[in-house]
C-alpha atoms as a PDB file:
ATOM      1  CA  MET A   1     -11.613  -1.405  10.212  1.00  0.00           C
ATOM      2  CA  LEU A   2      -7.942  -2.242   9.739  1.00  0.00           C
ATOM      3  CA  ARG A   3      -6.297  -4.856   7.546  1.00  0.00           C
ATOM      4  CA  ASP A   4      -2.823  -5.646   6.272  1.00  0.00           C
ATOM      5  CA  THR A   5      -1.824  -5.509   2.614  1.00  0.00           C
ATOM      6  CA  LYS A   6       1.513  -5.847   0.844  1.00  0.00           C
ATOM      7  CA  ASP A   7       1.634  -2.036   0.534  1.00  0.00           C
ATOM      8  CA  GLY A   8       0.784  -1.206   4.155  1.00  0.00           C
ATOM      9  CA  LEU A   9      -2.474  -0.977   6.102  1.00  0.00           C
ATOM     10  CA  ILE A  10      -5.993  -0.307   4.898  1.00  0.00           C
ATOM     11  CA  ILE A  11      -8.217   1.542   7.349  1.00  0.00           C
ATOM     12  CA  THR A  12     -11.954   2.080   6.912  1.00  0.00           C
ATOM     13  CA  LEU A  13     -13.483   5.112   8.602  1.00  0.00           C
ATOM     14  CA  ARG A  14     -16.715   7.050   8.827  1.00  0.00           C
ATOM     15  CA  ILE A  15     -16.148  10.789   8.653  1.00  0.00           C
ATOM     16  CA  SER A  16     -18.282  13.392  10.387  1.00  0.00           C
ATOM     17  CA  PRO A  17     -17.474  16.883   9.040  1.00  0.00           C
ATOM     18  CA  ASN A  18     -18.468  20.189  10.691  1.00  0.00           C
ATOM     19  CA  ALA A  19     -17.731  18.797  14.169  1.00  0.00           C
ATOM     20  CA  SER A  20     -16.992  21.003  17.152  1.00  0.00           C
ATOM     21  CA  LYS A  21     -13.517  19.437  17.505  1.00  0.00           C
ATOM     22  CA  ASN A  22     -11.303  16.873  15.795  1.00  0.00           C
ATOM     23  CA  GLU A  23     -11.477  13.467  17.457  1.00  0.00           C
ATOM     24  CA  ILE A  24     -11.654   9.737  16.811  1.00  0.00           C
ATOM     25  CA  ILE A  25     -14.419   7.701  18.425  1.00  0.00           C
ATOM     26  CA  LYS A  26     -15.556   4.086  18.224  1.00  0.00           C
ATOM     27  CA  THR A  27     -19.146   3.438  17.208  1.00  0.00           C
ATOM     28  CA  ASP A  28     -20.845   0.051  17.026  1.00  0.00           C
ATOM     29  CA  GLU A  29     -19.538  -0.682  13.553  1.00  0.00           C
ATOM     30  CA  PHE A  30     -16.945   1.959  12.624  1.00  0.00           C
ATOM     31  CA  LEU A  31     -14.099   4.106  13.737  1.00  0.00           C
ATOM     32  CA  LYS A  32     -15.558   7.565  13.342  1.00  0.00           C
ATOM     33  CA  VAL A  33     -13.365  10.601  12.728  1.00  0.00           C
ATOM     34  CA  LYS A  34     -14.987  13.892  13.638  1.00  0.00           C
ATOM     35  CA  ILE A  35     -13.447  16.787  11.738  1.00  0.00           C
ATOM     36  CA  THR A  36     -14.079  20.521  12.086  1.00  0.00           C
ATOM     37  CA  ALA A  37     -13.593  21.122   8.344  1.00  0.00           C
ATOM     38  CA  GLN A  38     -16.546  21.459   5.991  1.00  0.00           C
ATOM     39  CA  PRO A  39     -17.088  18.865   3.257  1.00  0.00           C
ATOM     40  CA  VAL A  40     -16.420  21.381   0.479  1.00  0.00           C
ATOM     41  CA  ASP A  41     -13.798  21.061  -2.269  1.00  0.00           C
ATOM     42  CA  GLY A  42     -12.034  18.178  -0.511  1.00  0.00           C
ATOM     43  CA  LYS A  43     -11.329  20.204   2.638  1.00  0.00           C
ATOM     44  CA  ALA A  44     -12.672  17.499   4.954  1.00  0.00           C
ATOM     45  CA  ASN A  45     -10.630  14.795   3.196  1.00  0.00           C
ATOM     46  CA  LYS A  46      -7.493  16.901   3.564  1.00  0.00           C
ATOM     47  CA  ALA A  47      -8.288  17.591   7.229  1.00  0.00           C
ATOM     48  CA  VAL A  48      -8.787  13.866   7.897  1.00  0.00           C
ATOM     49  CA  VAL A  49      -5.357  13.086   6.435  1.00  0.00           C
ATOM     50  CA  GLU A  50      -3.724  15.875   8.461  1.00  0.00           C
ATOM     51  CA  PHE A  51      -5.427  14.750  11.689  1.00  0.00           C
ATOM     52  CA  LEU A  52      -4.643  11.047  11.177  1.00  0.00           C
ATOM     53  CA  SER A  53      -1.074  11.902  10.216  1.00  0.00           C
ATOM     54  CA  LYS A  54      -0.561  13.658  13.554  1.00  0.00           C
ATOM     55  CA  GLN A  55      -2.359  11.003  15.596  1.00  0.00           C
ATOM     56  CA  LEU A  56      -0.608   8.044  13.942  1.00  0.00           C
ATOM     57  CA  LYS A  57       2.749   9.833  13.529  1.00  0.00           C
ATOM     58  CA  VAL A  58       2.851   8.957   9.828  1.00  0.00           C
ATOM     59  CA  PRO A  59       3.707  11.411   7.024  1.00  0.00           C
ATOM     60  CA  LYS A  60       0.720  12.842   5.136  1.00  0.00           C
ATOM     61  CA  SER A  61       2.277  11.561   1.915  1.00  0.00           C
ATOM     62  CA  SER A  62       1.789   7.981   3.197  1.00  0.00           C
ATOM     63  CA  PHE A  63      -2.005   8.295   3.020  1.00  0.00           C
ATOM     64  CA  GLU A  64      -3.922   7.385  -0.125  1.00  0.00           C
ATOM     65  CA  LEU A  65      -7.702   7.687  -0.297  1.00  0.00           C
ATOM     66  CA  LEU A  66      -8.854   4.505  -2.040  1.00  0.00           C
ATOM     67  CA  LYS A  67     -12.636   4.850  -1.726  1.00  0.00           C
ATOM     68  CA  GLY A  68     -15.113   7.470  -0.608  1.00  0.00           C
ATOM     69  CA  HIS A  69     -13.899  10.724  -2.147  1.00  0.00           C
ATOM     70  CA  THR A  70     -17.415  12.202  -1.778  1.00  0.00           C
ATOM     71  CA  SER A  71     -18.833   9.811   0.822  1.00  0.00           C
ATOM     72  CA  LYS A  72     -18.775   9.794   4.624  1.00  0.00           C
ATOM     73  CA  ASP A  73     -17.421   6.228   4.501  1.00  0.00           C
ATOM     74  CA  LYS A  74     -13.784   6.297   3.447  1.00  0.00           C
ATOM     75  CA  THR A  75     -11.075   3.728   2.879  1.00  0.00           C
ATOM     76  CA  PHE A  76      -7.460   4.859   3.213  1.00  0.00           C
ATOM     77  CA  LEU A  77      -4.242   3.024   2.440  1.00  0.00           C
ATOM     78  CA  ILE A  78      -1.455   3.912   4.849  1.00  0.00           C
ATOM     79  CA  LYS A  79       1.655   3.114   2.835  1.00  0.00           C
ATOM     80  CA  THR A  80       4.440   1.682   4.970  1.00  0.00           C
ATOM     81  CA  ASP A  81       6.577  -1.423   5.065  1.00  0.00           C
ATOM     82  CA  ASP A  82       8.022  -0.647   8.503  1.00  0.00           C
ATOM     83  CA  ALA A  83       6.855  -3.450  10.807  1.00  0.00           C
ATOM     84  CA  SER A  84       7.303  -1.360  13.956  1.00  0.00           C
ATOM     85  CA  LYS A  85       5.212   1.502  12.468  1.00  0.00           C
ATOM     86  CA  ILE A  86       2.487  -0.994  11.477  1.00  0.00           C
ATOM     87  CA  ASN A  87       2.436  -2.312  15.050  1.00  0.00           C
ATOM     88  CA  GLU A  88       2.232   1.257  16.422  1.00  0.00           C
ATOM     89  CA  ILE A  89      -0.750   2.013  14.172  1.00  0.00           C
ATOM     90  CA  LYS A  90      -2.484  -1.212  15.188  1.00  0.00           C
ATOM     91  CA  SER A  91      -1.876  -0.421  18.870  1.00  0.00           C
ATOM     92  CA  PHE A  92      -3.297   3.068  18.427  1.00  0.00           C
ATOM     93  CA  VAL A  93      -6.427   1.740  16.682  1.00  0.00           C
ATOM     94  CA  ASN A  94      -6.858  -0.907  19.387  1.00  0.00           C
ATOM     95  CA  SER A  95      -6.597   1.762  22.083  1.00  0.00           C
ATOM     96  CA  VAL A  96      -9.373   3.746  20.351  1.00  0.00           C
ATOM     97  CA  VAL A  97     -11.525   0.625  20.082  1.00  0.00           C
ATOM     98  CA  ASN A  98     -10.990  -0.201  23.766  1.00  0.00           C
ATOM     99  CA  ASN A  99     -11.368   3.370  25.078  1.00  0.00           C
ATOM    100  CA  SER A 100     -14.088   4.491  22.634  1.00  0.00           C
ATOM    101  CA  LYS A 101     -12.544   7.959  22.222  1.00  0.00           C
ATOM    102  CA  ILE A 102      -9.237   9.737  21.456  1.00  0.00           C
END
């Protein structure tokens, strides 16, 4: 789900477009991001970045979609070298994993 790299953190997600509300939930094997946007013309990808940016308090420009441009399974690089920001992101992800929903 989350791993360190020299450029920042890589997070793997499963996206569920056309949801009733934006939220992050933990499933058996993935962090799942439910997004209200439709998967048309990259709208869902853009909405995921906007939602994660707000939740993680990271600028949208720090997100790079590495894999899954047209797939529900996506891999993002969150570019940062700030150790405190990396720890905040890890804490947030751990809270989702432990609480099952944000």
